Amino acid sequence: MSVLKATGLIEAEIHALESTGQYAPSQVATVTCITEEGMVELAHWIYERGPMPEHKL
């Protein structure tokens, strides 16, 4: 989330939590919106990948 926020593709709030692991501090992120630039990138990504395959349960 921090990379997407830093590149301007989303707006988000990122907060540190009490560390529960031995290697990295835990964080929680709340995405408040996908920016216009993010929507363009998402559309490119979807177009390049094509339709998602159907999943059968």
Protein backbone atom coordinates (compact mmCIF):
# COMPACT_ATOMS: atom_id res chain seq x y z
CA MET A 1 0.00 0.00 0.00
CA SER A 2 2.82 2.40 0.76
CA VAL A 3 4.17 2.11 -2.81
CA LEU A 4 0.73 2.63 -4.35
CA LYS A 5 0.21 5.66 -2.10
CA ALA A 6 3.68 7.06 -2.83
CA THR A 7 3.14 6.78 -6.59
CA GLY A 8 -0.25 8.52 -6.35
CA LEU A 9 -2.37 5.56 -7.42
CA ILE A 10 -4.40 5.47 -4.19
CA GLU A 11 -5.18 7.63 -1.20
CA ALA A 12 -4.72 5.75 2.05
CA GLU A 13 -3.97 6.05 5.74
CA ILE A 14 -1.23 3.73 6.99
CA HIS A 15 -0.79 3.23 10.73
CA ALA A 16 1.75 1.20 12.65
CA LEU A 17 0.46 -1.42 15.06
CA GLU A 18 2.18 -3.15 17.93
CA SER A 19 4.74 -5.53 16.46
CA THR A 20 3.66 -9.19 16.52
CA GLY A 21 6.41 -10.66 14.34
CA GLN A 22 10.15 -10.86 14.80
CA TYR A 23 11.14 -9.34 11.43
CA ALA A 24 8.92 -6.36 10.66
CA PRO A 25 6.46 -4.13 12.47
CA SER A 26 2.79 -4.76 11.75
CA GLN A 27 0.81 -2.10 9.91
CA VAL A 28 -2.78 -1.55 8.93
CA ALA A 29 -3.88 0.47 5.90
CA THR A 30 -7.22 1.99 5.05
CA VAL A 31 -7.61 2.82 1.36
CA THR A 32 -9.92 5.81 1.02
CA CYS A 33 -9.96 5.99 -2.79
CA ILE A 34 -8.32 4.96 -6.03
CA THR A 35 -7.11 8.07 -7.84
CA GLU A 36 -7.74 8.80 -11.52
CA GLU A 37 -4.16 7.69 -12.22
CA GLY A 38 -4.85 4.50 -10.28
CA MET A 39 -8.00 3.81 -12.30
CA VAL A 40 -6.03 4.25 -15.55
CA GLU A 41 -3.35 1.81 -14.35
CA LEU A 42 -6.00 -0.66 -13.20
CA ALA A 43 -7.75 -0.47 -16.59
CA HIS A 44 -4.43 -1.12 -18.37
CA TRP A 45 -3.72 -4.08 -16.10
CA ILE A 46 -7.18 -5.59 -16.67
CA TYR A 47 -6.94 -5.03 -20.45
CA GLU A 48 -3.51 -6.68 -20.66
CA ARG A 49 -4.52 -9.70 -18.59
CA GLY A 50 -7.88 -10.25 -20.25
CA PRO A 51 -11.02 -11.54 -18.52
CA MET A 52 -10.63 -13.47 -15.29
CA PRO A 53 -11.21 -17.22 -15.60
CA GLU A 54 -14.37 -18.54 -13.99
CA HIS A 55 -13.86 -20.42 -10.75
CA LYS A 56 -15.95 -23.50 -10.14
CA LEU A 57 -16.62 -24.59 -6.61
